[in-house]
N, C-alpha and C. Protein backbone atom coordinates (compact mmCIF):
# COMPACT_ATOMS: atom_id res chain seq x y z
N UNK A 1 23.30 54.21 -23.00
CA UNK A 1 24.63 54.67 -22.57
C UNK A 1 25.29 55.37 -23.76
N UNK A 2 25.79 56.54 -23.48
CA UNK A 2 26.44 57.30 -24.61
C UNK A 2 27.92 56.94 -24.63
N UNK A 3 28.50 57.17 -25.84
CA UNK A 3 29.89 56.92 -26.11
C UNK A 3 30.70 58.02 -25.40
N UNK A 4 31.69 57.64 -24.63
CA UNK A 4 32.53 58.61 -23.85
C UNK A 4 33.99 58.54 -24.40
N UNK A 5 34.42 59.55 -25.17
CA UNK A 5 35.71 59.57 -25.72
C UNK A 5 36.80 59.73 -24.66
N UNK A 6 36.48 60.46 -23.54
CA UNK A 6 37.41 60.57 -22.46
C UNK A 6 37.75 59.18 -21.86
N UNK A 7 36.71 58.37 -21.76
CA UNK A 7 36.90 57.04 -21.22
C UNK A 7 37.71 56.15 -22.23
N UNK A 8 37.48 56.38 -23.49
CA UNK A 8 38.24 55.68 -24.56
C UNK A 8 39.79 55.95 -24.41
N UNK A 9 40.07 57.22 -24.31
CA UNK A 9 41.50 57.57 -24.15
C UNK A 9 42.13 57.12 -22.87
N UNK A 10 41.27 57.02 -21.86
CA UNK A 10 41.73 56.50 -20.56
C UNK A 10 42.10 55.00 -20.60
N UNK A 11 41.28 54.21 -21.37
CA UNK A 11 41.51 52.77 -21.36
C UNK A 11 42.36 52.32 -22.50
N UNK A 12 42.69 53.22 -23.45
CA UNK A 12 43.45 52.82 -24.60
C UNK A 12 44.86 52.22 -24.27
N UNK A 13 45.60 52.74 -23.35
CA UNK A 13 46.89 52.10 -23.06
C UNK A 13 46.74 50.67 -22.59
N UNK A 14 45.75 50.34 -21.79
CA UNK A 14 45.52 49.01 -21.30
C UNK A 14 45.17 48.11 -22.43
N UNK A 15 44.30 48.62 -23.35
CA UNK A 15 43.87 47.76 -24.48
C UNK A 15 45.04 47.53 -25.42
N UNK A 16 45.90 48.50 -25.62
CA UNK A 16 47.04 48.33 -26.42
C UNK A 16 48.06 47.31 -25.90
N UNK A 17 48.10 47.34 -24.58
CA UNK A 17 48.94 46.33 -23.89
C UNK A 17 48.41 44.95 -24.13
N UNK A 18 47.07 44.83 -24.05
CA UNK A 18 46.45 43.51 -24.34
C UNK A 18 46.60 43.15 -25.82
N UNK A 19 46.54 44.12 -26.71
CA UNK A 19 46.79 43.79 -28.14
C UNK A 19 48.20 43.32 -28.32
N UNK A 20 49.15 43.83 -27.61
CA UNK A 20 50.55 43.42 -27.77
C UNK A 20 50.64 41.94 -27.37
N UNK A 21 50.05 41.56 -26.24
CA UNK A 21 50.02 40.15 -25.83
C UNK A 21 49.34 39.29 -26.88
N UNK A 22 48.21 39.76 -27.42
CA UNK A 22 47.57 38.99 -28.45
C UNK A 22 48.46 38.73 -29.67
N UNK A 23 49.16 39.73 -30.12
CA UNK A 23 50.06 39.57 -31.31
C UNK A 23 51.20 38.71 -30.92
N UNK A 24 51.72 38.81 -29.69
CA UNK A 24 52.83 37.95 -29.28
C UNK A 24 52.43 36.49 -29.22
N UNK A 25 51.23 36.23 -28.66
CA UNK A 25 50.78 34.88 -28.55
C UNK A 25 50.57 34.31 -30.00
N UNK A 26 50.08 35.15 -30.90
CA UNK A 26 49.87 34.65 -32.27
C UNK A 26 51.17 34.29 -32.97
N UNK A 27 52.13 35.16 -32.87
CA UNK A 27 53.40 34.99 -33.55
C UNK A 27 54.12 33.70 -33.00
N UNK A 28 54.18 33.63 -31.64
CA UNK A 28 54.83 32.49 -31.03
C UNK A 28 54.10 31.21 -31.28
N UNK A 29 52.78 31.29 -31.23
CA UNK A 29 51.93 30.17 -31.56
C UNK A 29 52.14 29.64 -32.97
N UNK A 30 52.23 30.67 -33.86
CA UNK A 30 52.47 30.28 -35.31
C UNK A 30 53.83 29.59 -35.48
N UNK A 31 54.84 30.07 -34.75
CA UNK A 31 56.15 29.43 -34.81
C UNK A 31 56.10 27.98 -34.35
N UNK A 32 55.43 27.75 -33.20
CA UNK A 32 55.28 26.37 -32.69
C UNK A 32 54.48 25.58 -33.65
N UNK A 33 53.41 26.08 -34.23
CA UNK A 33 52.62 25.36 -35.16
C UNK A 33 53.41 24.96 -36.44
N UNK A 34 54.26 25.90 -36.89
CA UNK A 34 55.07 25.53 -38.08
C UNK A 34 55.97 24.43 -37.82
N UNK A 35 56.67 24.42 -36.66
CA UNK A 35 57.65 23.36 -36.33
C UNK A 35 56.94 22.01 -36.06
N UNK A 36 55.83 22.08 -35.24
CA UNK A 36 55.08 20.86 -34.86
C UNK A 36 54.44 20.23 -36.14
N UNK A 37 53.86 21.16 -36.94
CA UNK A 37 53.16 20.68 -38.18
C UNK A 37 54.20 19.88 -39.08
N UNK A 38 55.32 20.51 -39.29
CA UNK A 38 56.37 19.92 -40.12
C UNK A 38 56.84 18.52 -39.59
N UNK A 39 57.04 18.54 -38.25
CA UNK A 39 57.42 17.24 -37.61
C UNK A 39 56.34 16.18 -37.82
N UNK A 40 55.06 16.54 -37.57
CA UNK A 40 54.00 15.57 -37.76
C UNK A 40 53.95 15.09 -39.19
N UNK A 41 54.11 16.04 -40.13
CA UNK A 41 54.05 15.64 -41.54
C UNK A 41 55.12 14.66 -41.93
N UNK A 42 56.37 14.95 -41.52
CA UNK A 42 57.46 14.14 -41.84
C UNK A 42 57.34 12.74 -41.27
N UNK A 43 56.88 12.69 -39.95
CA UNK A 43 56.73 11.43 -39.29
C UNK A 43 55.64 10.60 -40.03
N UNK A 44 54.52 11.20 -40.42
CA UNK A 44 53.46 10.51 -41.07
C UNK A 44 53.90 9.98 -42.41
N UNK A 45 54.87 10.65 -43.09
CA UNK A 45 55.25 10.29 -44.41
C UNK A 45 56.46 9.31 -44.45
N UNK A 46 57.30 9.39 -43.46
CA UNK A 46 58.60 8.66 -43.60
C UNK A 46 58.93 7.78 -42.34
N UNK A 47 58.18 7.89 -41.30
CA UNK A 47 58.46 7.06 -40.13
C UNK A 47 57.92 5.63 -40.33
N UNK A 48 58.40 4.64 -39.57
CA UNK A 48 57.85 3.30 -39.59
C UNK A 48 56.34 3.29 -39.36
N UNK A 49 55.66 2.35 -39.94
CA UNK A 49 54.18 2.29 -39.85
C UNK A 49 53.58 2.49 -38.56
N UNK A 50 54.08 1.82 -37.48
CA UNK A 50 53.49 2.02 -36.12
C UNK A 50 53.56 3.45 -35.65
N UNK A 51 54.70 4.09 -35.92
CA UNK A 51 54.87 5.47 -35.50
C UNK A 51 54.00 6.40 -36.34
N UNK A 52 54.01 6.22 -37.63
CA UNK A 52 53.19 6.98 -38.52
C UNK A 52 51.69 6.91 -38.19
N UNK A 53 51.25 5.71 -37.82
CA UNK A 53 49.81 5.52 -37.46
C UNK A 53 49.49 6.19 -36.10
N UNK A 54 50.46 6.09 -35.20
CA UNK A 54 50.28 6.76 -33.85
C UNK A 54 50.22 8.25 -34.03
N UNK A 55 51.11 8.81 -34.87
CA UNK A 55 51.10 10.21 -35.13
C UNK A 55 49.75 10.64 -35.84
N UNK A 56 49.34 9.82 -36.75
CA UNK A 56 48.10 10.10 -37.49
C UNK A 56 46.91 10.16 -36.45
N UNK A 57 46.87 9.17 -35.57
CA UNK A 57 45.75 9.17 -34.56
C UNK A 57 45.85 10.36 -33.73
N UNK A 58 47.04 10.77 -33.26
CA UNK A 58 47.23 11.91 -32.41
C UNK A 58 46.74 13.26 -33.11
N UNK A 59 47.16 13.34 -34.40
CA UNK A 59 46.69 14.49 -35.19
C UNK A 59 45.23 14.58 -35.26
N UNK A 60 44.57 13.42 -35.62
CA UNK A 60 43.10 13.46 -35.70
C UNK A 60 42.40 13.71 -34.33
N UNK A 61 43.02 13.19 -33.29
CA UNK A 61 42.45 13.43 -31.93
C UNK A 61 42.44 14.90 -31.59
N UNK A 62 43.72 15.52 -31.83
CA UNK A 62 43.75 16.94 -31.47
C UNK A 62 42.86 17.82 -32.34
N UNK A 63 42.80 17.46 -33.64
CA UNK A 63 41.90 18.23 -34.49
C UNK A 63 40.43 18.08 -34.15
N UNK A 64 40.11 16.92 -33.56
CA UNK A 64 38.67 16.65 -33.21
C UNK A 64 38.32 17.13 -31.83
N UNK A 65 39.24 17.75 -31.12
CA UNK A 65 39.05 18.22 -29.78
C UNK A 65 39.01 19.81 -29.82
N UNK A 66 38.03 20.40 -29.12
CA UNK A 66 38.00 21.87 -29.14
C UNK A 66 39.30 22.48 -28.52
N UNK A 67 39.76 23.61 -29.10
CA UNK A 67 40.93 24.30 -28.60
C UNK A 67 40.78 24.72 -27.17
N UNK A 68 39.55 25.10 -26.80
CA UNK A 68 39.31 25.57 -25.39
C UNK A 68 39.57 24.43 -24.38
N UNK A 69 39.10 23.23 -24.72
CA UNK A 69 39.36 22.04 -23.88
C UNK A 69 40.87 21.78 -23.76
N UNK A 70 41.56 21.88 -24.83
CA UNK A 70 43.04 21.70 -24.79
C UNK A 70 43.72 22.71 -23.90
N UNK A 71 43.28 23.96 -24.00
CA UNK A 71 43.86 24.99 -23.19
C UNK A 71 43.66 24.72 -21.71
N UNK A 72 42.42 24.36 -21.38
CA UNK A 72 42.14 24.04 -20.00
C UNK A 72 42.97 22.86 -19.49
N UNK A 73 43.16 21.82 -20.32
CA UNK A 73 43.95 20.67 -19.99
C UNK A 73 45.35 21.09 -19.64
N UNK A 74 45.98 21.87 -20.60
CA UNK A 74 47.36 22.27 -20.42
C UNK A 74 47.54 23.15 -19.18
N UNK A 75 46.62 24.04 -18.93
CA UNK A 75 46.82 25.02 -17.85
C UNK A 75 46.34 24.52 -16.50
N UNK A 76 45.20 23.76 -16.44
CA UNK A 76 44.61 23.35 -15.24
C UNK A 76 44.83 21.93 -14.88
N UNK A 77 44.99 21.08 -15.82
CA UNK A 77 45.12 19.63 -15.52
C UNK A 77 46.64 19.16 -15.38
N UNK A 78 47.48 19.64 -16.24
CA UNK A 78 48.87 19.26 -16.15
C UNK A 78 49.52 19.57 -14.79
N UNK A 79 49.17 20.69 -14.11
CA UNK A 79 49.73 20.88 -12.79
C UNK A 79 49.46 19.75 -11.81
N UNK A 80 48.39 19.02 -12.00
CA UNK A 80 48.14 17.91 -11.08
C UNK A 80 49.14 16.79 -11.27
N UNK A 81 49.87 16.78 -12.36
CA UNK A 81 50.92 15.74 -12.52
C UNK A 81 52.31 16.41 -12.46
N UNK A 82 52.38 17.60 -11.92
CA UNK A 82 53.64 18.30 -11.74
C UNK A 82 54.17 19.14 -12.79
N UNK A 83 53.30 19.42 -13.84
CA UNK A 83 53.76 20.26 -14.99
C UNK A 83 53.01 21.62 -14.85
N UNK A 84 53.56 22.63 -14.31
CA UNK A 84 52.89 23.97 -14.17
C UNK A 84 53.55 24.90 -15.17
N UNK A 85 52.72 25.56 -15.92
CA UNK A 85 53.24 26.49 -16.95
C UNK A 85 52.62 27.87 -16.78
N UNK A 86 53.41 28.94 -17.04
CA UNK A 86 52.78 30.24 -17.03
C UNK A 86 51.68 30.33 -18.00
N UNK A 87 50.72 31.21 -17.75
CA UNK A 87 49.49 31.25 -18.58
C UNK A 87 49.85 31.50 -20.08
N UNK A 88 50.69 32.44 -20.37
CA UNK A 88 51.02 32.77 -21.73
C UNK A 88 51.71 31.56 -22.42
N UNK A 89 52.65 30.94 -21.69
CA UNK A 89 53.37 29.78 -22.25
C UNK A 89 52.31 28.65 -22.56
N UNK A 90 51.44 28.39 -21.64
CA UNK A 90 50.42 27.39 -21.86
C UNK A 90 49.55 27.73 -23.06
N UNK A 91 49.26 29.04 -23.22
CA UNK A 91 48.40 29.44 -24.35
C UNK A 91 49.12 29.29 -25.65
N UNK A 92 50.37 29.62 -25.72
CA UNK A 92 51.18 29.48 -26.88
C UNK A 92 51.34 28.06 -27.32
N UNK A 93 51.59 27.20 -26.32
CA UNK A 93 51.73 25.78 -26.61
C UNK A 93 50.44 25.19 -27.14
N UNK A 94 49.25 25.61 -26.44
CA UNK A 94 48.03 25.09 -26.90
C UNK A 94 47.64 25.57 -28.30
N UNK A 95 47.91 26.79 -28.59
CA UNK A 95 47.62 27.23 -29.98
C UNK A 95 48.53 26.59 -30.92
N UNK A 96 49.82 26.49 -30.57
CA UNK A 96 50.79 25.87 -31.55
C UNK A 96 50.50 24.42 -31.80
N UNK A 97 50.17 23.62 -30.81
CA UNK A 97 49.86 22.23 -31.08
C UNK A 97 48.58 22.03 -31.79
N UNK A 98 47.57 22.80 -31.45
CA UNK A 98 46.27 22.66 -32.17
C UNK A 98 46.41 22.99 -33.59
N UNK A 99 46.96 24.15 -33.90
CA UNK A 99 47.15 24.54 -35.33
C UNK A 99 48.24 23.76 -35.99
N UNK A 100 49.19 23.19 -35.22
CA UNK A 100 50.19 22.34 -35.85
C UNK A 100 49.56 21.15 -36.52
N UNK A 101 48.44 20.66 -36.03
CA UNK A 101 47.75 19.50 -36.64
C UNK A 101 47.18 19.93 -38.01
N UNK A 102 46.77 21.15 -38.10
CA UNK A 102 46.19 21.62 -39.37
C UNK A 102 47.37 21.94 -40.37
N UNK A 103 48.42 22.63 -39.88
CA UNK A 103 49.51 22.84 -40.82
C UNK A 103 50.16 21.55 -41.29
N UNK A 104 50.07 20.49 -40.46
CA UNK A 104 50.65 19.24 -40.82
C UNK A 104 50.04 18.71 -42.15
N UNK A 105 48.70 18.87 -42.27
CA UNK A 105 48.06 18.42 -43.55
C UNK A 105 48.53 19.29 -44.74
N UNK A 106 48.75 20.62 -44.46
CA UNK A 106 49.24 21.47 -45.53
C UNK A 106 50.65 21.02 -45.99
N UNK A 107 51.52 20.79 -44.98
CA UNK A 107 52.82 20.30 -45.26
C UNK A 107 52.83 18.94 -46.06
N UNK A 108 51.95 18.08 -45.56
CA UNK A 108 51.90 16.75 -46.19
C UNK A 108 51.47 16.87 -47.65
N UNK A 109 50.49 17.74 -47.92
CA UNK A 109 50.06 17.88 -49.33
C UNK A 109 51.15 18.50 -50.17
N UNK A 110 51.86 19.49 -49.58
CA UNK A 110 52.96 20.08 -50.36
C UNK A 110 54.09 19.15 -50.65
N UNK A 111 54.41 18.32 -49.63
CA UNK A 111 55.52 17.37 -49.84
C UNK A 111 55.17 16.28 -50.84
N UNK A 112 53.91 15.87 -50.85
CA UNK A 112 53.41 14.80 -51.72
C UNK A 112 53.35 15.35 -53.18
N UNK A 113 53.27 16.69 -53.31
CA UNK A 113 53.24 17.29 -54.69
C UNK A 113 54.65 17.40 -55.36
N UNK A 114 55.68 17.23 -54.51
CA UNK A 114 57.03 17.18 -55.09
C UNK A 114 57.18 15.97 -55.99
N UNK A 115 57.54 16.13 -57.27
CA UNK A 115 57.68 14.96 -58.15
C UNK A 115 58.55 13.85 -57.61
N UNK A 116 58.16 12.67 -57.81
CA UNK A 116 58.82 11.44 -57.31
C UNK A 116 60.26 11.47 -57.87
N UNK A 117 60.47 11.99 -59.02
CA UNK A 117 61.83 11.98 -59.60
C UNK A 117 62.80 12.74 -58.80
N UNK A 118 62.39 13.71 -57.97
CA UNK A 118 63.22 14.47 -57.16
C UNK A 118 63.85 13.56 -56.05
N UNK A 119 63.03 12.69 -55.49
CA UNK A 119 63.52 11.73 -54.49
C UNK A 119 64.58 10.78 -55.11
N UNK A 120 64.22 10.30 -56.32
CA UNK A 120 65.14 9.39 -56.98
C UNK A 120 66.44 10.08 -57.39
N UNK A 121 66.38 11.32 -57.81
CA UNK A 121 67.62 12.03 -58.15
C UNK A 121 68.44 12.22 -56.90
N UNK A 122 67.87 12.54 -55.79
CA UNK A 122 68.62 12.73 -54.55
C UNK A 122 69.26 11.41 -54.15
N UNK A 123 68.55 10.27 -54.29
CA UNK A 123 69.08 8.96 -53.96
C UNK A 123 70.28 8.66 -54.91
N UNK A 124 70.10 9.02 -56.17
CA UNK A 124 71.14 8.72 -57.17
C UNK A 124 72.44 9.44 -56.94
N UNK A 125 72.32 10.68 -56.29
CA UNK A 125 73.51 11.43 -56.02
C UNK A 125 74.04 11.19 -54.60
N UNK A 126 73.56 10.10 -53.95
CA UNK A 126 74.02 9.62 -52.67
C UNK A 126 73.74 10.67 -51.53
N UNK A 127 72.71 11.45 -51.61
CA UNK A 127 72.39 12.36 -50.56
C UNK A 127 71.77 11.56 -49.41
N UNK A 128 72.07 11.99 -48.17
CA UNK A 128 71.44 11.32 -47.01
C UNK A 128 70.00 11.78 -46.96
N UNK A 129 69.21 11.04 -46.09
CA UNK A 129 67.82 11.41 -45.90
C UNK A 129 67.68 12.89 -45.47
N UNK A 130 68.57 13.24 -44.50
CA UNK A 130 68.52 14.62 -43.94
C UNK A 130 68.79 15.61 -45.07
N UNK A 131 69.78 15.30 -45.85
CA UNK A 131 70.14 16.26 -46.94
C UNK A 131 69.01 16.33 -48.03
N UNK A 132 68.41 15.19 -48.23
CA UNK A 132 67.32 15.15 -49.21
C UNK A 132 66.20 16.03 -48.76
N UNK A 133 65.83 15.92 -47.47
CA UNK A 133 64.75 16.74 -46.95
C UNK A 133 65.06 18.26 -46.96
N UNK A 134 66.30 18.55 -46.46
CA UNK A 134 66.66 19.99 -46.29
C UNK A 134 66.97 20.71 -47.63
N UNK A 135 67.63 20.00 -48.54
CA UNK A 135 68.15 20.66 -49.71
C UNK A 135 67.34 20.36 -51.02
N UNK A 136 66.47 19.34 -51.02
CA UNK A 136 65.73 18.99 -52.21
C UNK A 136 64.28 19.13 -52.05
N UNK A 137 63.71 18.44 -51.03
CA UNK A 137 62.26 18.34 -50.88
C UNK A 137 61.63 19.61 -50.40
N UNK A 138 62.04 20.00 -49.16
CA UNK A 138 61.39 21.10 -48.49
C UNK A 138 61.54 22.43 -49.26
N UNK A 139 62.70 22.77 -49.85
CA UNK A 139 62.75 24.00 -50.64
C UNK A 139 61.78 24.07 -51.81
N UNK A 140 61.37 22.94 -52.31
CA UNK A 140 60.39 22.91 -53.38
C UNK A 140 58.92 22.84 -52.84
N UNK A 141 58.77 22.24 -51.64
CA UNK A 141 57.43 21.98 -51.14
C UNK A 141 56.85 23.21 -50.37
N UNK A 142 57.74 23.93 -49.68
CA UNK A 142 57.23 24.95 -48.77
C UNK A 142 56.68 26.24 -49.45
N UNK A 143 57.32 26.80 -50.43
CA UNK A 143 56.82 28.05 -51.06
C UNK A 143 55.38 27.99 -51.52
N UNK A 144 54.87 26.97 -52.20
CA UNK A 144 53.48 26.96 -52.52
C UNK A 144 52.52 26.82 -51.35
N UNK A 145 53.03 26.39 -50.24
CA UNK A 145 52.20 26.19 -49.01
C UNK A 145 51.97 27.53 -48.29
N UNK A 146 52.84 28.53 -48.51
CA UNK A 146 52.83 29.70 -47.68
C UNK A 146 51.48 30.43 -47.57
N UNK A 147 50.73 30.58 -48.69
CA UNK A 147 49.38 31.24 -48.54
C UNK A 147 48.50 30.40 -47.59
N UNK A 148 48.51 29.06 -47.65
CA UNK A 148 47.65 28.31 -46.83
C UNK A 148 48.07 28.40 -45.35
N UNK A 149 49.43 28.46 -45.17
CA UNK A 149 49.87 28.58 -43.77
C UNK A 149 49.54 29.98 -43.18
N UNK A 150 49.58 31.00 -44.06
CA UNK A 150 49.23 32.32 -43.59
C UNK A 150 47.75 32.42 -43.24
N UNK A 151 46.94 31.64 -43.94
CA UNK A 151 45.52 31.58 -43.65
C UNK A 151 45.28 31.04 -42.26
N UNK A 152 46.01 29.99 -41.86
CA UNK A 152 45.87 29.46 -40.49
C UNK A 152 46.44 30.48 -39.50
N UNK A 153 47.36 31.28 -39.86
CA UNK A 153 47.89 32.35 -38.94
C UNK A 153 46.74 33.28 -38.64
N UNK A 154 45.96 33.72 -39.64
CA UNK A 154 44.86 34.62 -39.42
C UNK A 154 43.81 33.96 -38.53
N UNK A 155 43.54 32.68 -38.78
CA UNK A 155 42.57 31.93 -37.97
C UNK A 155 43.04 31.90 -36.51
N UNK A 156 44.29 31.68 -36.33
CA UNK A 156 44.85 31.59 -34.96
C UNK A 156 44.67 32.96 -34.25
N UNK A 157 44.95 34.04 -34.96
CA UNK A 157 44.79 35.36 -34.35
C UNK A 157 43.39 35.59 -33.91
N UNK A 158 42.39 35.13 -34.70
CA UNK A 158 40.97 35.29 -34.28
C UNK A 158 40.59 34.51 -33.04
N UNK A 159 41.34 33.43 -32.84
CA UNK A 159 40.99 32.57 -31.68
C UNK A 159 41.74 32.86 -30.43
N UNK A 160 42.63 33.90 -30.46
CA UNK A 160 43.34 34.24 -29.25
C UNK A 160 42.41 34.72 -28.11
N UNK A 161 41.18 35.21 -28.31
CA UNK A 161 40.37 35.51 -27.18
C UNK A 161 40.08 34.32 -26.26
N UNK A 162 40.23 33.08 -26.75
CA UNK A 162 40.10 31.97 -25.90
C UNK A 162 41.10 31.85 -24.80
N UNK A 163 42.23 32.55 -25.02
CA UNK A 163 43.33 32.55 -23.96
C UNK A 163 42.84 33.23 -22.70
N UNK A 164 41.85 34.09 -22.77
CA UNK A 164 41.30 34.72 -21.61
C UNK A 164 40.80 33.68 -20.61
N UNK A 165 40.42 32.51 -21.12
CA UNK A 165 39.89 31.44 -20.21
C UNK A 165 40.94 30.87 -19.30
N UNK A 166 42.19 31.06 -19.67
CA UNK A 166 43.33 30.56 -18.78
C UNK A 166 44.09 31.74 -18.26
N UNK A 167 43.47 32.89 -18.13
CA UNK A 167 43.95 34.11 -17.42
C UNK A 167 45.05 34.84 -18.21
N UNK A 168 45.26 34.54 -19.45
CA UNK A 168 46.21 35.37 -20.24
C UNK A 168 45.59 36.75 -20.48
N UNK A 169 46.37 37.79 -20.13
CA UNK A 169 45.90 39.15 -20.25
C UNK A 169 45.99 39.67 -21.69
N UNK A 170 45.31 38.96 -22.60
CA UNK A 170 45.35 39.41 -24.00
C UNK A 170 44.23 40.49 -24.18
N UNK A 171 43.97 40.82 -25.38
CA UNK A 171 43.06 42.00 -25.64
C UNK A 171 41.72 41.77 -25.09
N UNK A 172 41.08 40.63 -25.28
CA UNK A 172 39.70 40.40 -24.81
C UNK A 172 39.64 40.41 -23.27
N UNK A 173 40.64 39.75 -22.66
CA UNK A 173 40.64 39.68 -21.19
C UNK A 173 40.76 41.09 -20.58
N UNK A 174 41.59 41.95 -21.16
CA UNK A 174 41.83 43.28 -20.71
C UNK A 174 40.49 44.04 -20.85
N UNK A 175 39.84 43.85 -22.01
CA UNK A 175 38.56 44.56 -22.20
C UNK A 175 37.51 44.14 -21.22
N UNK A 176 37.45 42.84 -20.93
CA UNK A 176 36.45 42.36 -19.91
C UNK A 176 36.76 42.88 -18.56
N UNK A 177 38.04 42.97 -18.23
CA UNK A 177 38.42 43.48 -16.91
C UNK A 177 38.05 44.95 -16.77
N UNK A 178 38.33 45.74 -17.83
CA UNK A 178 37.93 47.19 -17.84
C UNK A 178 36.41 47.32 -17.77
N UNK A 179 35.69 46.58 -18.50
CA UNK A 179 34.20 46.66 -18.49
C UNK A 179 33.60 46.27 -17.11
N UNK A 180 34.16 45.21 -16.55
CA UNK A 180 33.61 44.83 -15.21
C UNK A 180 33.95 45.74 -14.09
N UNK A 181 35.11 46.42 -14.22
CA UNK A 181 35.59 47.33 -13.22
C UNK A 181 34.82 48.69 -13.23
N UNK A 182 34.47 49.09 -14.50
CA UNK A 182 33.83 50.42 -14.67
C UNK A 182 32.39 50.33 -15.04
N UNK A 183 31.82 49.07 -15.22
CA UNK A 183 30.41 48.90 -15.54
C UNK A 183 30.11 49.68 -16.88
N UNK A 184 31.09 49.72 -17.78
CA UNK A 184 30.90 50.29 -19.07
C UNK A 184 31.46 49.27 -20.09
N UNK A 185 30.56 48.80 -20.94
CA UNK A 185 30.89 47.75 -21.87
C UNK A 185 31.00 48.20 -23.33
N UNK A 186 30.30 49.25 -23.64
CA UNK A 186 30.23 49.68 -25.04
C UNK A 186 31.61 50.07 -25.62
N UNK A 187 32.37 50.84 -24.88
CA UNK A 187 33.61 51.31 -25.39
C UNK A 187 34.71 50.17 -25.45
N UNK A 188 34.94 49.46 -24.39
CA UNK A 188 36.05 48.41 -24.50
C UNK A 188 35.70 47.32 -25.48
N UNK A 189 34.41 46.88 -25.51
CA UNK A 189 34.08 45.77 -26.49
C UNK A 189 34.00 46.24 -27.87
N UNK A 190 33.59 47.54 -28.10
CA UNK A 190 33.64 48.09 -29.46
C UNK A 190 35.03 48.17 -30.01
N UNK A 191 35.96 48.63 -29.07
CA UNK A 191 37.34 48.80 -29.47
C UNK A 191 38.02 47.44 -29.77
N UNK A 192 37.68 46.40 -29.01
CA UNK A 192 38.18 45.07 -29.28
C UNK A 192 37.78 44.66 -30.71
N UNK A 193 36.53 44.93 -30.99
CA UNK A 193 36.03 44.62 -32.35
C UNK A 193 36.81 45.30 -33.44
N UNK A 194 37.03 46.66 -33.16
CA UNK A 194 37.72 47.45 -34.13
C UNK A 194 39.19 46.99 -34.35
N UNK A 195 39.83 46.68 -33.24
CA UNK A 195 41.19 46.21 -33.31
C UNK A 195 41.29 44.93 -34.09
N UNK A 196 40.40 43.96 -33.84
CA UNK A 196 40.40 42.67 -34.55
C UNK A 196 40.06 42.91 -36.03
N UNK A 197 39.13 43.82 -36.32
CA UNK A 197 38.78 44.08 -37.70
C UNK A 197 39.93 44.63 -38.46
N UNK A 198 40.65 45.62 -37.86
CA UNK A 198 41.80 46.28 -38.51
C UNK A 198 42.88 45.21 -38.79
N UNK A 199 43.18 44.40 -37.77
CA UNK A 199 44.29 43.45 -37.96
C UNK A 199 43.81 42.37 -39.01
N UNK A 200 42.58 42.06 -38.97
CA UNK A 200 42.13 41.03 -39.95
C UNK A 200 42.18 41.51 -41.38
N UNK A 201 41.85 42.80 -41.60
CA UNK A 201 41.88 43.39 -42.91
C UNK A 201 43.29 43.49 -43.42
N UNK A 202 44.20 43.92 -42.51
CA UNK A 202 45.64 43.95 -42.89
C UNK A 202 46.17 42.51 -43.26
N UNK A 203 45.67 41.52 -42.47
CA UNK A 203 46.10 40.16 -42.74
C UNK A 203 45.53 39.65 -44.08
N UNK A 204 44.32 40.01 -44.43
CA UNK A 204 43.72 39.59 -45.66
C UNK A 204 44.48 40.16 -46.87
N UNK A 205 44.81 41.49 -46.78
CA UNK A 205 45.62 42.04 -47.85
C UNK A 205 46.91 41.42 -47.97
N UNK A 206 47.57 41.09 -46.86
CA UNK A 206 48.90 40.33 -46.90
C UNK A 206 48.70 38.97 -47.52
N UNK A 207 47.62 38.27 -47.15
CA UNK A 207 47.37 36.92 -47.67
C UNK A 207 47.16 36.95 -49.21
N UNK A 208 46.42 37.99 -49.65
CA UNK A 208 46.19 38.05 -51.09
C UNK A 208 47.48 38.37 -51.85
N UNK A 209 48.37 39.20 -51.26
CA UNK A 209 49.64 39.44 -51.87
C UNK A 209 50.44 38.14 -51.97
N UNK A 210 50.45 37.38 -50.91
CA UNK A 210 51.20 36.05 -50.92
C UNK A 210 50.60 35.12 -51.97
N UNK A 211 49.27 35.06 -52.05
CA UNK A 211 48.67 34.18 -53.09
C UNK A 211 49.05 34.60 -54.48
N UNK A 212 49.05 35.92 -54.78
CA UNK A 212 49.44 36.39 -56.08
C UNK A 212 50.89 36.13 -56.37
N UNK A 213 51.71 36.39 -55.44
CA UNK A 213 53.19 36.18 -55.58
C UNK A 213 53.48 34.71 -55.87
N UNK A 214 52.97 33.81 -55.02
CA UNK A 214 53.35 32.40 -55.18
C UNK A 214 52.63 31.71 -56.30
N UNK A 215 51.44 32.25 -56.75
CA UNK A 215 50.80 31.71 -57.89
C UNK A 215 51.62 32.03 -59.14
N UNK A 216 52.26 33.18 -59.15
CA UNK A 216 53.16 33.51 -60.26
C UNK A 216 54.41 32.63 -60.29
N UNK A 217 54.89 32.33 -59.08
CA UNK A 217 56.05 31.43 -58.95
C UNK A 217 55.73 30.09 -59.59
N UNK A 218 54.51 29.51 -59.25
CA UNK A 218 54.15 28.21 -59.70
C UNK A 218 53.91 28.19 -61.22
N UNK A 219 53.42 29.36 -61.77
CA UNK A 219 53.20 29.40 -63.20
C UNK A 219 54.54 29.38 -63.95
N UNK A 220 55.60 29.85 -63.34
CA UNK A 220 56.88 29.80 -64.01
C UNK A 220 57.43 28.36 -64.06
């Protein structure tokens, strides 16, 4: 089968629409993962032992379960108990919770690296626990974590094709639909690979810039 440029230009708008959904799912999933991961990390570090252990078990359980299974559960099983979610929302929640368990470990490591004296100084100045977290601990803990968090963002982007399993019309699903409708696979699948390669290369350059920037900050 020969490469057909006319077919490429014909399918490009549909693939770009799929790419837009892929990027949207990645950004929203990353936002959910950042919040969920921080919540998990704080609970494991400061909550009473029964809650901390329960959260720890939940984190390990989610990390030990394939993302695809979690997506199926959210989209296909939850409706049986009355919780029906649109495909994109289910996909974002699935990505966010799954990667939230990984970012939780990044947060936990960053928080534990804050010198103990900072906690004691906050206590000595009569700061509340909320003020201590918001104004003392997190501002010091988060900047060094950013390169690691960005690395998970790239990994999440590469896993968005799994959303096609729950009918999200992201890039891979659009390409499969085009290929099955036209019985031409070389152009849509090649373009999907090209799109992911370009976005991954841009992400790698951005990640290296973050690593250099925050390594300089740590040296100071």
